[in-house]
Amino acid sequence: MELLHSGKVRDVYVDGGDLVLVASDRLSIYDVVLPTPIPDKGRLLTALSLWWFDQLADIVPHHVVSADDVPAEFAGRAIRCRRLEMLPVECIARGYLAGLGLKEYEKHGAVSGVELPAGLVEGSRLPEPVFTPTTKAAVGAHDEFMTYADVVDEVGADTAAELRRITLEVYRRGAAVAAGRGLLLADTKLEFGRTPDGTLTLADEVLTSDSSRFWPADRWTPGGPQFSFDKQYVRDWATGAGWDRRPPAPVVPADVVAATRARYVEVYERLTGRTWS
């Protein structure tokens, strides 16, 4: 296989007419890759994505060809997938206010040009889920918020409308499934591409702890940081350690690594009903 691209978390190889997408144990926060891996993270992300692709197949086609037909050294953390023409938009749906969405709201009263009610605080539930796309930045660069008009300019009106519709539908399905497991889906990020015949297709990962914020419903308290089954725990540690969000990132202590891995495992087990081993 030929290495085509090495991203913040995933490595992409060309193998014949397919791609092999390999999830590493790398962790990135604030668009910077940390020097300390999270054990089993690549396998957890892959397994959870595969589970979600099955749950969402009636909403949108996905790029998975096989989870088994991959090189042995990548078994469990790789998928063979269709080659797509990727769209230059990160499609984000938000049902709660957190992260960069919160900061954007505090500055402008809106996120990606979507006006939101006054008086919201960190962790607030939004009146309805909103589509808040961003650009797709290269490694080391930062994604920037896009308005819906920006997306139309980038990909055309018909495709923009489909991206918004599918993103919000995936979010609603994911939120409903999560709610049945005692979880809140605060937000999620999706990527899409087109097959050679033009079919809009869900790609990359879906509804994982790297691409989404999951909160325990029984601990949800608007007005401050929420307990998160994702890398927010590492973000909070890095901020408390005084890191200025510029490379190089600090080494992550063993106890923070263990706690982060435990959160990835727990959300996988709660969502799928399967035991991680």
Protein backbone atom coordinates (compact mmCIF):
# COMPACT_ATOMS: atom_id res chain seq x y z
CA MET A 1 0.00 0.00 0.00
CA GLU A 2 1.03 3.60 -0.56
CA LEU A 3 0.65 6.20 2.18
CA LEU A 4 -1.50 8.94 0.69
CA HIS A 5 -2.04 11.19 3.67
CA SER A 6 -1.19 11.32 7.37
CA GLY A 7 -3.71 13.36 9.33
CA LYS A 8 -3.96 14.37 12.95
CA VAL A 9 -5.38 11.00 13.96
CA ARG A 10 -5.81 8.88 10.80
CA ASP A 11 -3.45 7.64 8.12
CA VAL A 12 -4.84 7.04 4.65
CA TYR A 13 -3.35 4.44 2.31
CA VAL A 14 -4.11 3.64 -1.33
CA ASP A 15 -4.67 -0.04 -2.05
CA GLY A 16 -5.81 -0.75 -5.58
CA GLY A 17 -9.00 1.17 -6.23
CA ASP A 18 -9.77 1.55 -2.52
CA LEU A 19 -8.48 3.51 0.43
CA VAL A 20 -7.49 1.97 3.74
CA LEU A 21 -8.24 4.34 6.60
CA VAL A 22 -6.16 3.57 9.71
CA ALA A 23 -7.08 5.10 13.07
CA SER A 24 -4.03 5.65 15.27
CA ASP A 25 -3.87 6.14 19.03
CA ARG A 26 -2.81 9.77 18.48
CA LEU A 27 -4.83 12.49 20.15
CA SER A 28 -5.20 16.04 18.91
CA ILE A 29 -6.64 19.00 20.78
CA TYR A 30 -6.93 22.56 19.51
CA ASP A 31 -5.69 21.23 16.14
CA VAL A 32 -2.36 20.14 17.64
CA VAL A 33 -1.30 16.48 17.94
CA LEU A 34 -0.18 15.53 21.44
CA PRO A 35 3.04 13.55 21.92
CA THR A 36 1.29 10.99 24.17
CA PRO A 37 -1.01 8.33 22.63
CA ILE A 38 -4.17 6.95 24.25
CA PRO A 39 -3.96 3.12 24.27
CA ASP A 40 -6.71 1.36 22.24
CA LYS A 41 -8.08 4.67 20.98
CA GLY A 42 -7.74 3.72 17.31
CA ARG A 43 -9.55 0.43 17.82
CA LEU A 44 -12.29 2.07 19.87
CA LEU A 45 -12.90 4.79 17.28
CA THR A 46 -13.00 2.25 14.47
CA ALA A 47 -15.39 -0.11 16.26
CA LEU A 48 -17.73 2.70 17.27
CA SER A 49 -17.75 4.23 13.79
CA LEU A 50 -18.58 0.86 12.22
CA TRP A 51 -21.44 0.40 14.67
CA TRP A 52 -22.82 3.86 13.86
CA PHE A 53 -22.46 3.44 10.10
CA ASP A 54 -24.85 0.49 10.43
CA GLN A 55 -27.31 2.52 12.52
CA LEU A 56 -27.36 5.35 9.98
CA ALA A 57 -27.40 3.39 6.71
CA ASP A 58 -31.04 4.28 6.04
CA ILE A 59 -30.23 8.01 6.24
CA VAL A 60 -27.09 8.28 4.10
CA PRO A 61 -24.74 5.87 2.25
CA HIS A 62 -21.33 5.40 3.84
CA HIS A 63 -17.88 4.72 2.47
CA VAL A 64 -17.13 1.40 4.21
CA VAL A 65 -16.24 -1.52 1.94
CA SER A 66 -14.88 -3.89 4.59
CA ALA A 67 -13.54 -3.92 8.13
CA ASP A 68 -11.89 -7.31 7.59
CA ASP A 69 -10.08 -6.95 4.27
CA VAL A 70 -7.22 -4.88 5.69
CA PRO A 71 -3.53 -5.63 6.36
CA ALA A 72 -3.03 -7.77 9.46
CA GLU A 73 -0.93 -5.14 11.20
CA PHE A 74 -3.90 -2.75 11.06
CA ALA A 75 -6.57 -5.25 12.08
CA GLY A 76 -9.19 -3.77 14.39
CA ARG A 77 -8.28 -0.16 13.70
CA ALA A 78 -8.65 0.12 9.94
CA ILE A 79 -11.40 0.04 7.35
CA ARG A 80 -11.28 -0.45 3.61
CA CYS A 81 -13.37 2.27 2.04
CA ARG A 82 -14.43 3.76 -1.27
CA ARG A 83 -12.43 6.57 -2.81
CA LEU A 84 -14.48 9.75 -2.71
CA GLU A 85 -14.13 13.30 -3.88
CA MET A 86 -14.19 14.91 -0.44
CA LEU A 87 -16.15 18.11 0.11
CA PRO A 88 -14.23 21.04 1.66
CA VAL A 89 -16.63 21.53 4.57
CA GLU A 90 -16.69 20.20 8.13
CA CYS A 91 -20.39 19.61 8.78
CA ILE A 92 -21.18 20.27 12.44
CA ALA A 93 -24.51 19.94 14.21
CA ARG A 94 -25.00 21.39 17.67
CA GLY A 95 -27.81 20.69 20.11
CA TYR A 96 -26.06 22.22 23.11
CA LEU A 97 -23.66 25.10 23.56
CA ALA A 98 -20.04 24.11 24.22
CA GLY A 99 -16.48 24.46 23.00
CA LEU A 100 -15.76 26.80 20.12
CA GLY A 101 -19.48 27.18 19.52
CA LEU A 102 -19.82 28.72 22.97
CA LYS A 103 -16.93 31.11 22.33
CA GLU A 104 -18.43 32.16 18.99
CA TYR A 105 -21.81 32.74 20.62
CA GLU A 106 -20.25 34.85 23.38
CA LYS A 107 -18.61 37.05 20.73
CA HIS A 108 -21.44 37.37 18.24
CA GLY A 109 -24.66 35.97 19.69
CA ALA A 110 -24.57 33.53 16.77
CA VAL A 111 -22.64 30.51 15.51
CA SER A 112 -21.85 30.22 11.80
CA GLY A 113 -24.27 33.07 11.23
CA VAL A 114 -27.12 31.26 13.01
CA GLU A 115 -28.66 33.68 15.52
CA LEU A 116 -29.26 32.14 18.94
CA PRO A 117 -31.36 33.37 21.88
CA ALA A 118 -29.77 35.77 24.36
CA GLY A 119 -28.76 34.57 27.80
CA LEU A 120 -27.45 31.12 26.92
CA VAL A 121 -24.61 29.72 29.02
CA GLU A 122 -22.12 26.90 28.70
CA GLY A 123 -24.04 23.63 28.38
CA SER A 124 -27.36 25.26 27.45
CA ARG A 125 -29.69 23.19 25.30
CA LEU A 126 -30.47 25.02 22.06
CA PRO A 127 -34.08 25.53 20.99
CA GLU A 128 -33.39 23.15 18.12
CA PRO A 129 -30.26 21.57 16.61
CA VAL A 130 -28.35 23.92 14.32
CA PHE A 131 -25.98 23.42 11.40
CA THR A 132 -22.71 25.25 12.10
CA PRO A 133 -20.15 24.31 9.41
CA THR A 134 -16.47 25.13 9.39
CA THR A 135 -13.61 25.01 6.93
CA LYS A 136 -11.34 21.96 6.81
CA ALA A 137 -7.90 23.12 7.90
CA ALA A 138 -4.61 21.34 7.33
CA VAL A 139 -2.67 19.81 10.22
CA GLY A 140 -1.50 22.59 12.55
CA ALA A 141 -4.00 25.12 11.22
CA HIS A 142 -7.38 26.02 12.68
CA ASP A 143 -10.83 25.44 11.23
CA GLU A 144 -12.84 28.63 10.73
CA PHE A 145 -16.60 29.02 11.04
CA MET A 146 -18.53 29.24 7.78
CA THR A 147 -22.00 30.64 7.26
CA TYR A 148 -24.53 28.68 5.27
CA ALA A 149 -24.04 31.19 2.46
CA ASP A 150 -20.32 30.36 2.52
CA VAL A 151 -21.16 26.67 2.07
CA VAL A 152 -23.43 27.51 -0.86
CA ASP A 153 -20.59 29.48 -2.45
CA GLU A 154 -18.21 26.55 -1.89
CA VAL A 155 -20.31 23.58 -3.04
CA GLY A 156 -23.49 24.99 -4.61
CA ALA A 157 -27.03 25.46 -3.30
CA ASP A 158 -28.28 21.90 -3.84
CA THR A 159 -25.30 20.25 -2.17
CA ALA A 160 -25.33 22.75 0.70
CA ALA A 161 -28.98 21.98 1.37
CA GLU A 162 -28.29 18.24 1.37
CA LEU A 163 -25.30 18.62 3.69
CA ARG A 164 -27.40 20.58 6.17
CA ARG A 165 -30.35 18.19 5.97
CA ILE A 166 -28.30 15.02 6.37
CA THR A 167 -26.08 16.45 9.11
CA LEU A 168 -29.08 17.44 11.21
CA GLU A 169 -30.82 14.12 10.55
CA VAL A 170 -27.72 12.18 11.62
CA TYR A 171 -27.47 14.35 14.72
CA ARG A 172 -31.11 13.73 15.63
CA ARG A 173 -30.76 9.98 15.16
CA GLY A 174 -27.55 9.94 17.19
CA ALA A 175 -29.10 12.06 19.94
CA ALA A 176 -32.13 9.76 20.15
CA VAL A 177 -29.97 6.64 20.40
CA ALA A 178 -27.73 8.30 23.00
CA ALA A 179 -30.72 9.42 25.05
CA GLY A 180 -31.83 5.81 25.34
CA ARG A 181 -28.44 5.06 26.91
CA GLY A 182 -28.58 7.96 29.37
CA LEU A 183 -26.34 10.20 27.27
CA LEU A 184 -26.69 13.65 25.73
CA LEU A 185 -25.14 14.27 22.32
CA ALA A 186 -24.00 17.87 22.59
CA ASP A 187 -22.56 18.20 19.09
CA THR A 188 -20.98 16.21 16.31
CA LYS A 189 -18.80 16.73 13.25
CA LEU A 190 -19.27 14.87 9.96
CA GLU A 191 -17.42 14.68 6.66
CA PHE A 192 -18.88 13.90 3.26
CA GLY A 193 -17.65 13.08 -0.21
CA ARG A 194 -19.05 12.03 -3.57
CA THR A 195 -18.68 8.71 -5.35
CA PRO A 196 -17.80 8.76 -9.08
CA ASP A 197 -21.53 8.68 -9.89
CA GLY A 198 -22.13 11.74 -7.70
CA THR A 199 -23.73 10.04 -4.68
CA LEU A 200 -23.28 12.06 -1.49
CA THR A 201 -21.59 9.69 0.98
CA LEU A 202 -20.74 9.79 4.69
CA ALA A 203 -16.99 9.37 5.23
CA ASP A 204 -14.22 9.39 7.83
CA GLU A 205 -15.62 8.63 11.31
CA VAL A 206 -19.09 9.14 12.75
CA LEU A 207 -20.42 9.90 16.23
CA THR A 208 -17.23 8.91 18.04
CA SER A 209 -15.58 10.40 21.09
CA ASP A 210 -13.21 12.31 18.81
CA SER A 211 -15.87 13.81 16.56
CA SER A 212 -18.62 14.37 19.14
CA ARG A 213 -19.33 15.47 22.69
CA PHE A 214 -21.26 12.96 24.78
CA TRP A 215 -22.41 13.96 28.28
CA PRO A 216 -24.09 11.82 30.97
CA ALA A 217 -27.69 13.05 31.11
CA ASP A 218 -27.94 12.68 34.87
CA ARG A 219 -24.97 15.04 35.40
CA TRP A 220 -26.01 17.74 32.92
CA THR A 221 -26.02 21.14 34.61
CA PRO A 222 -25.93 24.22 32.35
CA GLY A 223 -23.71 27.06 33.48
CA GLY A 224 -20.27 25.47 33.42
CA PRO A 225 -18.13 22.65 32.02
CA GLN A 226 -19.85 19.29 31.65
CA PHE A 227 -18.50 15.81 32.35
CA SER A 228 -17.58 14.57 28.86
CA PHE A 229 -16.92 11.11 27.45
CA ASP A 230 -14.39 12.51 25.00
CA LYS A 231 -11.12 14.40 24.79
CA GLN A 232 -12.53 17.42 26.63
CA TYR A 233 -10.90 15.94 29.73
CA VAL A 234 -7.50 16.33 28.06
CA ARG A 235 -8.37 19.84 26.83
CA ASP A 236 -9.23 20.83 30.41
CA TRP A 237 -5.99 19.30 31.73
CA ALA A 238 -3.91 21.09 29.09
CA THR A 239 -5.58 24.42 29.83
CA GLY A 240 -5.03 23.96 33.56
CA ALA A 241 -1.38 23.12 32.88
CA GLY A 242 -0.97 26.53 31.24
CA TRP A 243 -0.44 25.35 27.66
CA ASP A 244 -0.93 28.19 25.17
CA ARG A 245 -2.35 25.87 22.47
CA ARG A 246 0.69 26.27 20.24
CA PRO A 247 3.06 23.45 19.24
CA PRO A 248 4.75 21.65 20.78
CA ALA A 249 2.02 20.18 22.96
CA PRO A 250 2.91 18.94 26.45
CA VAL A 251 3.37 15.30 27.41
CA VAL A 252 0.19 13.95 28.98
CA PRO A 253 0.59 12.36 32.46
CA ALA A 254 -0.23 8.68 32.89
CA ASP A 255 -3.26 9.30 35.10
CA VAL A 256 -4.81 11.63 32.51
CA VAL A 257 -4.14 9.04 29.78
CA ALA A 258 -5.82 6.31 31.86
CA ALA A 259 -8.83 8.46 32.68
CA THR A 260 -9.24 9.46 29.04
CA ARG A 261 -9.05 5.86 27.84
CA ALA A 262 -11.65 4.89 30.45
CA ARG A 263 -14.05 7.51 29.07
CA TYR A 264 -13.60 6.28 25.50
CA VAL A 265 -14.30 2.72 26.67
CA GLU A 266 -17.35 3.69 28.71
CA VAL A 267 -19.08 5.63 25.95
CA TYR A 268 -18.43 2.77 23.51
CA GLU A 269 -19.93 0.25 25.92
CA ARG A 270 -22.92 2.42 26.82
CA LEU A 271 -23.78 3.21 23.21
CA THR A 272 -23.30 -0.24 21.69
CA GLY A 273 -24.23 -2.44 24.64
CA ARG A 274 -21.04 -4.39 24.01
CA THR A 275 -18.19 -5.10 26.44
CA TRP A 276 -14.79 -3.78 25.37
CA SER A 277 -11.92 -6.21 25.66
